[in-house]
PDB file of N, CA and C in Angstrom:
ATOM      1  N   UNK A   1     -24.431   7.366-101.085  1.00  0.00           N
ATOM      2  CA  UNK A   1     -25.415   6.346-100.678  1.00  0.00           C
ATOM      3  C   UNK A   1     -25.118   5.937 -99.249  1.00  0.00           C
ATOM      4  N   UNK A   2     -23.801   5.657 -98.930  1.00  0.00           N
ATOM      5  CA  UNK A   2     -23.302   5.073 -97.506  1.00  0.00           C
ATOM      6  C   UNK A   2     -23.714   6.071 -96.391  1.00  0.00           C
ATOM      7  N   UNK A   3     -23.761   7.494 -96.897  1.00  0.00           N
ATOM      8  CA  UNK A   3     -23.907   8.497 -96.041  1.00  0.00           C
ATOM      9  C   UNK A   3     -25.556   8.459 -95.642  1.00  0.00           C
ATOM     10  N   UNK A   4     -26.413   8.243 -96.363  1.00  0.00           N
ATOM     11  CA  UNK A   4     -27.926   8.111 -96.119  1.00  0.00           C
ATOM     12  C   UNK A   4     -28.252   6.806 -95.263  1.00  0.00           C
ATOM     13  N   UNK A   5     -27.446   5.740 -95.511  1.00  0.00           N
ATOM     14  CA  UNK A   5     -27.478   4.572 -94.750  1.00  0.00           C
ATOM     15  C   UNK A   5     -27.042   4.747 -93.216  1.00  0.00           C
ATOM     16  N   UNK A   6     -25.895   5.424 -93.144  1.00  0.00           N
ATOM     17  CA  UNK A   6     -25.522   5.920 -91.895  1.00  0.00           C
ATOM     18  C   UNK A   6     -26.343   6.818 -91.111  1.00  0.00           C
ATOM     19  N   UNK A   7     -26.842   7.602 -91.719  1.00  0.00           N
ATOM     20  CA  UNK A   7     -27.934   8.601 -91.178  1.00  0.00           C
ATOM     21  C   UNK A   7     -29.137   7.883 -90.654  1.00  0.00           C
ATOM     22  N   UNK A   8     -29.644   7.031 -91.490  1.00  0.00           N
ATOM     23  CA  UNK A   8     -30.757   6.260 -91.175  1.00  0.00           C
ATOM     24  C   UNK A   8     -30.610   5.340 -90.005  1.00  0.00           C
ATOM     25  N   UNK A   9     -29.324   4.859 -89.952  1.00  0.00           N
ATOM     26  CA  UNK A   9     -29.049   3.971 -88.886  1.00  0.00           C
ATOM     27  C   UNK A   9     -28.800   4.800 -87.494  1.00  0.00           C
ATOM     28  N   UNK A  10     -28.181   5.839 -87.669  1.00  0.00           N
ATOM     29  CA  UNK A  10     -28.242   6.711 -86.301  1.00  0.00           C
ATOM     30  C   UNK A  10     -29.605   7.269 -85.999  1.00  0.00           C
ATOM     31  N   UNK A  11     -30.417   7.597 -86.852  1.00  0.00           N
ATOM     32  CA  UNK A  11     -31.808   8.078 -86.559  1.00  0.00           C
ATOM     33  C   UNK A  11     -32.623   6.810 -85.820  1.00  0.00           C
ATOM     34  N   UNK A  12     -32.467   5.687 -86.432  1.00  0.00           N
ATOM     35  CA  UNK A  12     -33.122   4.442 -85.778  1.00  0.00           C
ATOM     36  C   UNK A  12     -32.655   4.279 -84.380  1.00  0.00           C
ATOM     37  N   UNK A  13     -31.277   4.307 -84.218  1.00  0.00           N
ATOM     38  CA  UNK A  13     -30.900   4.188 -82.892  1.00  0.00           C
ATOM     39  C   UNK A  13     -31.471   5.179 -81.901  1.00  0.00           C
ATOM     40  N   UNK A  14     -31.341   6.513 -82.389  1.00  0.00           N
ATOM     41  CA  UNK A  14     -31.922   7.530 -81.368  1.00  0.00           C
ATOM     42  C   UNK A  14     -33.456   7.423 -81.141  1.00  0.00           C
ATOM     43  N   UNK A  15     -34.160   6.800 -82.153  1.00  0.00           N
ATOM     44  CA  UNK A  15     -35.668   6.533 -82.029  1.00  0.00           C
ATOM     45  C   UNK A  15     -35.825   5.389 -80.864  1.00  0.00           C
ATOM     46  N   UNK A  16     -35.011   4.309 -81.068  1.00  0.00           N
ATOM     47  CA  UNK A  16     -35.101   3.289 -80.105  1.00  0.00           C
ATOM     48  C   UNK A  16     -34.771   3.621 -78.738  1.00  0.00           C
ATOM     49  N   UNK A  17     -33.751   4.361 -78.634  1.00  0.00           N
ATOM     50  CA  UNK A  17     -33.154   5.030 -77.345  1.00  0.00           C
ATOM     51  C   UNK A  17     -34.331   5.770 -76.650  1.00  0.00           C
ATOM     52  N   UNK A  18     -34.992   6.713 -77.532  1.00  0.00           N
ATOM     53  CA  UNK A  18     -36.037   7.625 -76.905  1.00  0.00           C
ATOM     54  C   UNK A  18     -37.248   6.780 -76.589  1.00  0.00           C
ATOM     55  N   UNK A  19     -37.706   5.717 -77.337  1.00  0.00           N
ATOM     56  CA  UNK A  19     -38.700   4.868 -76.939  1.00  0.00           C
ATOM     57  C   UNK A  19     -38.370   4.116 -75.607  1.00  0.00           C
ATOM     58  N   UNK A  20     -37.187   3.596 -75.615  1.00  0.00           N
ATOM     59  CA  UNK A  20     -36.812   2.838 -74.268  1.00  0.00           C
ATOM     60  C   UNK A  20     -36.767   3.801 -73.097  1.00  0.00           C
ATOM     61  N   UNK A  21     -36.229   4.950 -73.237  1.00  0.00           N
ATOM     62  CA  UNK A  21     -36.334   5.898 -72.152  1.00  0.00           C
ATOM     63  C   UNK A  21     -37.651   6.273 -71.703  1.00  0.00           C
ATOM     64  N   UNK A  22     -38.514   6.647 -72.684  1.00  0.00           N
ATOM     65  CA  UNK A  22     -39.867   6.905 -72.356  1.00  0.00           C
ATOM     66  C   UNK A  22     -40.656   5.811 -71.800  1.00  0.00           C
ATOM     67  N   UNK A  23     -40.417   4.467 -72.253  1.00  0.00           N
ATOM     68  CA  UNK A  23     -41.150   3.419 -71.485  1.00  0.00           C
ATOM     69  C   UNK A  23     -40.637   3.191 -70.191  1.00  0.00           C
ATOM     70  N   UNK A  24     -39.393   3.282 -69.924  1.00  0.00           N
ATOM     71  CA  UNK A  24     -38.829   3.168 -68.574  1.00  0.00           C
ATOM     72  C   UNK A  24     -39.330   4.331 -67.725  1.00  0.00           C
ATOM     73  N   UNK A  25     -39.586   5.510 -68.205  1.00  0.00           N
ATOM     74  CA  UNK A  25     -40.148   6.630 -67.283  1.00  0.00           C
ATOM     75  C   UNK A  25     -41.421   6.277 -66.799  1.00  0.00           C
ATOM     76  N   UNK A  26     -42.279   5.853 -67.751  1.00  0.00           N
ATOM     77  CA  UNK A  26     -43.552   5.606 -67.309  1.00  0.00           C
ATOM     78  C   UNK A  26     -43.842   4.185 -66.696  1.00  0.00           C
ATOM     79  N   UNK A  27     -42.850   3.494 -66.661  1.00  0.00           N
ATOM     80  CA  UNK A  27     -43.101   2.255 -65.752  1.00  0.00           C
ATOM     81  C   UNK A  27     -42.089   2.219 -64.557  1.00  0.00           C
ATOM     82  N   UNK A  28     -41.518   3.406 -64.194  1.00  0.00           N
ATOM     83  CA  UNK A  28     -40.432   3.349 -63.184  1.00  0.00           C
ATOM     84  C   UNK A  28     -41.220   3.051 -61.830  1.00  0.00           C
ATOM     85  N   UNK A  29     -42.266   3.356 -61.423  1.00  0.00           N
ATOM     86  CA  UNK A  29     -43.007   3.122 -60.131  1.00  0.00           C
ATOM     87  C   UNK A  29     -43.174   1.533 -59.995  1.00  0.00           C
ATOM     88  N   UNK A  30     -43.622   0.895 -61.166  1.00  0.00           N
ATOM     89  CA  UNK A  30     -43.752  -0.448 -60.895  1.00  0.00           C
ATOM     90  C   UNK A  30     -42.587  -1.085 -60.925  1.00  0.00           C
ATOM     91  N   UNK A  31     -41.382  -0.486 -61.702  1.00  0.00           N
ATOM     92  CA  UNK A  31     -40.077  -1.316 -61.450  1.00  0.00           C
ATOM     93  C   UNK A  31     -39.307  -1.028 -60.051  1.00  0.00           C
ATOM     94  N   UNK A  32     -39.735   0.184 -59.449  1.00  0.00           N
ATOM     95  CA  UNK A  32     -39.000   0.561 -58.169  1.00  0.00           C
ATOM     96  C   UNK A  32     -39.799  -0.144 -56.938  1.00  0.00           C
ATOM     97  N   UNK A  33     -41.333   0.113 -56.875  1.00  0.00           N
ATOM     98  CA  UNK A  33     -42.027  -0.242 -55.823  1.00  0.00           C
ATOM     99  C   UNK A  33     -42.871  -1.405 -56.120  1.00  0.00           C
ATOM    100  N   UNK A  34     -42.651  -2.535 -55.440  1.00  0.00           N
ATOM    101  CA  UNK A  34     -43.534  -3.750 -55.689  1.00  0.00           C
ATOM    102  C   UNK A  34     -44.646  -3.733 -54.891  1.00  0.00           C
ATOM    103  N   UNK A  35     -45.711  -3.558 -55.700  1.00  0.00           N
ATOM    104  CA  UNK A  35     -47.179  -3.373 -54.820  1.00  0.00           C
ATOM    105  C   UNK A  35     -47.681  -4.769 -54.154  1.00  0.00           C
ATOM    106  N   UNK A  36     -47.126  -5.066 -53.182  1.00  0.00           N
ATOM    107  CA  UNK A  36     -47.635  -6.364 -52.345  1.00  0.00           C
ATOM    108  C   UNK A  36     -48.486  -5.808 -51.377  1.00  0.00           C
ATOM    109  N   UNK A  37     -49.721  -6.488 -51.270  1.00  0.00           N
ATOM    110  CA  UNK A  37     -50.813  -6.031 -50.264  1.00  0.00           C
ATOM    111  C   UNK A  37     -50.557  -7.084 -49.190  1.00  0.00           C
ATOM    112  N   UNK A  38     -50.330  -6.463 -47.975  1.00  0.00           N
ATOM    113  CA  UNK A  38     -50.224  -7.300 -46.724  1.00  0.00           C
ATOM    114  C   UNK A  38     -51.362  -7.206 -46.031  1.00  0.00           C
ATOM    115  N   UNK A  39     -51.567  -8.321 -45.307  1.00  0.00           N
ATOM    116  CA  UNK A  39     -52.967  -8.307 -44.277  1.00  0.00           C
ATOM    117  C   UNK A  39     -52.549  -7.213 -43.120  1.00  0.00           C
ATOM    118  N   UNK A  40     -53.705  -6.680 -42.741  1.00  0.00           N
ATOM    119  CA  UNK A  40     -53.611  -5.705 -41.623  1.00  0.00           C
ATOM    120  C   UNK A  40     -52.835  -6.427 -40.283  1.00  0.00           C
ATOM    121  N   UNK A  41     -52.895  -7.590 -40.165  1.00  0.00           N
ATOM    122  CA  UNK A  41     -52.216  -8.186 -38.994  1.00  0.00           C
ATOM    123  C   UNK A  41     -50.765  -8.675 -39.103  1.00  0.00           C
ATOM    124  N   UNK A  42     -50.118  -8.328 -40.329  1.00  0.00           N
ATOM    125  CA  UNK A  42     -48.916  -8.718 -40.693  1.00  0.00           C
ATOM    126  C   UNK A  42     -47.852  -7.951 -39.763  1.00  0.00           C
ATOM    127  N   UNK A  43     -46.895  -8.645 -39.275  1.00  0.00           N
ATOM    128  CA  UNK A  43     -45.796  -7.999 -38.271  1.00  0.00           C
ATOM    129  C   UNK A  43     -44.592  -8.234 -39.085  1.00  0.00           C
ATOM    130  N   UNK A  44     -43.838  -7.120 -39.189  1.00  0.00           N
ATOM    131  CA  UNK A  44     -42.586  -7.281 -39.788  1.00  0.00           C
ATOM    132  C   UNK A  44     -41.549  -7.778 -38.917  1.00  0.00           C
ATOM    133  N   UNK A  45     -40.501  -8.417 -39.275  1.00  0.00           N
ATOM    134  CA  UNK A  45     -39.487  -8.988 -38.220  1.00  0.00           C
ATOM    135  C   UNK A  45     -38.169  -8.265 -38.573  1.00  0.00           C
ATOM    136  N   UNK A  46     -37.880  -7.317 -37.908  1.00  0.00           N
ATOM    137  CA  UNK A  46     -36.585  -6.558 -37.986  1.00  0.00           C
ATOM    138  C   UNK A  46     -35.655  -6.886 -36.827  1.00  0.00           C
ATOM    139  N   UNK A  47     -34.278  -6.906 -37.209  1.00  0.00           N
ATOM    140  CA  UNK A  47     -33.511  -7.118 -36.167  1.00  0.00           C
ATOM    141  C   UNK A  47     -33.209  -5.802 -35.334  1.00  0.00           C
ATOM    142  N   UNK A  48     -33.154  -6.011 -33.872  1.00  0.00           N
ATOM    143  CA  UNK A  48     -32.852  -5.107 -33.103  1.00  0.00           C
ATOM    144  C   UNK A  48     -34.136  -4.440 -32.638  1.00  0.00           C
ATOM    145  N   UNK A  49     -34.097  -3.320 -31.825  1.00  0.00           N
ATOM    146  CA  UNK A  49     -35.272  -2.739 -31.362  1.00  0.00           C
ATOM    147  C   UNK A  49     -35.988  -1.887 -32.442  1.00  0.00           C
ATOM    148  N   UNK A  50     -37.412  -1.952 -32.505  1.00  0.00           N
ATOM    149  CA  UNK A  50     -37.961  -0.955 -33.310  1.00  0.00           C
ATOM    150  C   UNK A  50     -39.474  -0.794 -32.694  1.00  0.00           C
ATOM    151  N   UNK A  51     -40.151   0.168 -33.040  1.00  0.00           N
ATOM    152  CA  UNK A  51     -41.433   0.422 -32.686  1.00  0.00           C
ATOM    153  C   UNK A  51     -42.344   0.942 -33.855  1.00  0.00           C
ATOM    154  N   UNK A  52     -43.487   0.260 -33.924  1.00  0.00           N
ATOM    155  CA  UNK A  52     -44.412   0.341 -35.035  1.00  0.00           C
ATOM    156  C   UNK A  52     -45.408   1.661 -34.649  1.00  0.00           C
ATOM    157  N   UNK A  53     -45.388   2.554 -35.503  1.00  0.00           N
ATOM    158  CA  UNK A  53     -46.147   3.814 -35.165  1.00  0.00           C
ATOM    159  C   UNK A  53     -47.336   3.827 -36.214  1.00  0.00           C
ATOM    160  N   UNK A  54     -48.568   3.939 -35.736  1.00  0.00           N
ATOM    161  CA  UNK A  54     -49.684   4.118 -36.677  1.00  0.00           C
ATOM    162  C   UNK A  54     -50.068   5.431 -36.591  1.00  0.00           C
ATOM    163  N   UNK A  55     -50.270   6.339 -37.720  1.00  0.00           N
ATOM    164  CA  UNK A  55     -50.841   7.617 -37.719  1.00  0.00           C
ATOM    165  C   UNK A  55     -52.197   7.579 -38.162  1.00  0.00           C
ATOM    166  N   UNK A  56     -53.001   8.208 -37.614  1.00  0.00           N
ATOM    167  CA  UNK A  56     -54.456   8.261 -37.808  1.00  0.00           C
ATOM    168  C   UNK A  56     -54.755   9.730 -38.545  1.00  0.00           C
ATOM    169  N   UNK A  57     -55.299   9.674 -39.622  1.00  0.00           N
ATOM    170  CA  UNK A  57     -55.621  11.045 -40.224  1.00  0.00           C
ATOM    171  C   UNK A  57     -56.941  11.547 -39.986  1.00  0.00           C
ATOM    172  N   UNK A  58     -57.263  12.724 -40.248  1.00  0.00           N
ATOM    173  CA  UNK A  58     -58.495  13.328 -39.692  1.00  0.00           C
ATOM    174  C   UNK A  58     -59.800  12.612 -40.373  1.00  0.00           C
ATOM    175  N   UNK A  59     -59.601  11.995 -41.346  1.00  0.00           N
ATOM    176  CA  UNK A  59     -60.831  11.238 -41.820  1.00  0.00           C
ATOM    177  C   UNK A  59     -60.858   9.880 -41.241  1.00  0.00           C
ATOM    178  N   UNK A  60     -59.983   9.453 -40.503  1.00  0.00           N
ATOM    179  CA  UNK A  60     -59.993   8.092 -39.633  1.00  0.00           C
ATOM    180  C   UNK A  60     -59.285   6.986 -40.130  1.00  0.00           C
ATOM    181  N   UNK A  61     -58.600   7.307 -41.480  1.00  0.00           N
ATOM    182  CA  UNK A  61     -57.684   6.256 -41.914  1.00  0.00           C
ATOM    183  C   UNK A  61     -56.463   6.040 -41.250  1.00  0.00           C
ATOM    184  N   UNK A  62     -55.836   5.094 -41.284  1.00  0.00           N
ATOM    185  CA  UNK A  62     -54.537   4.736 -40.762  1.00  0.00           C
ATOM    186  C   UNK A  62     -53.667   4.178 -41.789  1.00  0.00           C
TER     187      UNK A  62
END
């Protein structure tokens, strides 16, 4: 009987691990990239020299 309890515990842990990995896989973009919408006039304040470059696509979007 203790063998079946051990097997059930291992299978439960494996199932929880698979569910956790699956949920993290599908949520990884929300966890890594915080989607903050900035106004078009926002200016980043970086130390040192930098130059902001705008790329215009063929359809006119920047």
